[in-house]
Amino acid sequence: MKIQILGTGCPKCKQLEANVKKALEETGKKAEIEKVTDINKIIELGVMATPALVIDGKIVCSGRIPLTKEIKKWL
């Protein structure tokens, strides 16, 4: 599983990363986590609002910080 966290490194992006790591820990799932901070790459992926979460190439959330329980459902 590949998880991408899209954002420029703001506090919201860091909170999203923490929530993703917590969800992975609670479910026992393993994933490669990539942080994408290049605004051009973010736009190429079709995201207009950050932070955003992409799992296996699919945008699952954009423009807000999802709760850990939401992330666990997507995993």
Protein backbone atom coordinates (compact mmCIF):
# COMPACT_ATOMS: atom_id res chain seq x y z
CA MET A 1 0.00 0.00 0.00
CA LYS A 2 1.27 3.47 -0.85
CA ILE A 3 0.00 6.52 1.01
CA GLN A 4 0.77 10.04 -0.15
CA ILE A 5 0.31 13.07 2.08
CA LEU A 6 0.01 16.17 -0.06
CA GLY A 7 0.77 19.58 1.39
CA THR A 8 3.44 22.20 1.84
CA GLY A 9 4.43 21.11 5.34
CA CYS A 10 2.04 23.27 7.35
CA PRO A 11 0.73 22.22 10.79
CA LYS A 12 -2.40 20.72 9.15
CA CYS A 13 -0.24 18.52 6.94
CA LYS A 14 1.75 17.36 9.96
CA GLN A 15 -1.49 16.53 11.81
CA LEU A 16 -2.68 14.50 8.82
CA GLU A 17 0.60 12.57 8.83
CA ALA A 18 0.23 11.86 12.56
CA ASN A 19 -3.36 10.63 12.03
CA VAL A 20 -2.24 8.35 9.18
CA LYS A 21 0.54 6.84 11.29
CA LYS A 22 -1.86 6.29 14.19
CA ALA A 23 -4.41 4.61 11.89
CA LEU A 24 -1.72 2.31 10.50
CA GLU A 25 -0.55 1.46 14.00
CA GLU A 26 -4.07 0.72 15.23
CA THR A 27 -4.92 -1.50 12.24
CA GLY A 28 -1.53 -3.21 12.09
CA LYS A 29 -1.28 -2.46 8.37
CA LYS A 30 1.97 -1.59 6.64
CA ALA A 31 2.31 1.14 4.06
CA GLU A 32 4.89 3.27 2.31
CA ILE A 33 4.27 6.89 3.28
CA GLU A 34 5.38 9.61 0.90
CA LYS A 35 5.10 13.32 1.64
CA VAL A 36 4.52 15.40 -1.48
CA THR A 37 5.36 19.07 -0.89
CA ASP A 38 5.99 20.25 -4.48
CA ILE A 39 2.97 22.35 -5.43
CA ASN A 40 3.32 21.42 -9.11
CA LYS A 41 3.19 17.69 -8.30
CA ILE A 42 0.18 18.28 -6.05
CA ILE A 43 -1.64 20.04 -8.92
CA GLU A 44 -0.62 17.25 -11.34
CA LEU A 45 -2.36 14.77 -9.03
CA GLY A 46 -5.55 16.83 -9.38
CA VAL A 47 -5.63 18.28 -5.87
CA MET A 48 -6.65 21.91 -5.45
CA ALA A 49 -6.92 22.05 -1.63
CA THR A 50 -4.42 20.75 0.91
CA PRO A 51 -3.85 18.86 3.01
CA ALA A 52 -4.85 15.88 0.91
CA LEU A 53 -4.57 12.14 1.32
CA VAL A 54 -3.98 9.73 -1.55
CA ILE A 55 -4.10 5.96 -1.04
CA ASP A 56 -2.84 3.75 -3.86
CA GLY A 57 -3.29 6.57 -6.39
CA LYS A 58 -6.84 7.49 -5.34
CA ILE A 59 -7.60 10.85 -3.69
CA VAL A 60 -9.63 9.97 -0.59
CA CYS A 61 -9.63 13.35 1.14
CA SER A 62 -8.76 16.93 0.22
CA GLY A 63 -8.91 20.27 2.01
CA ARG A 64 -9.38 18.94 5.54
CA ILE A 65 -7.83 16.71 8.18
CA PRO A 66 -9.70 13.39 8.37
CA LEU A 67 -10.11 11.70 11.73
CA THR A 68 -8.10 8.58 12.47
CA LYS A 69 -11.27 6.45 12.37
CA GLU A 70 -12.02 7.71 8.84
CA ILE A 71 -8.52 6.87 7.69
CA LYS A 72 -8.84 3.36 9.14
CA LYS A 73 -11.95 2.78 6.98
CA TRP A 74 -10.05 3.83 3.85
CA LEU A 75 -7.14 1.53 4.64
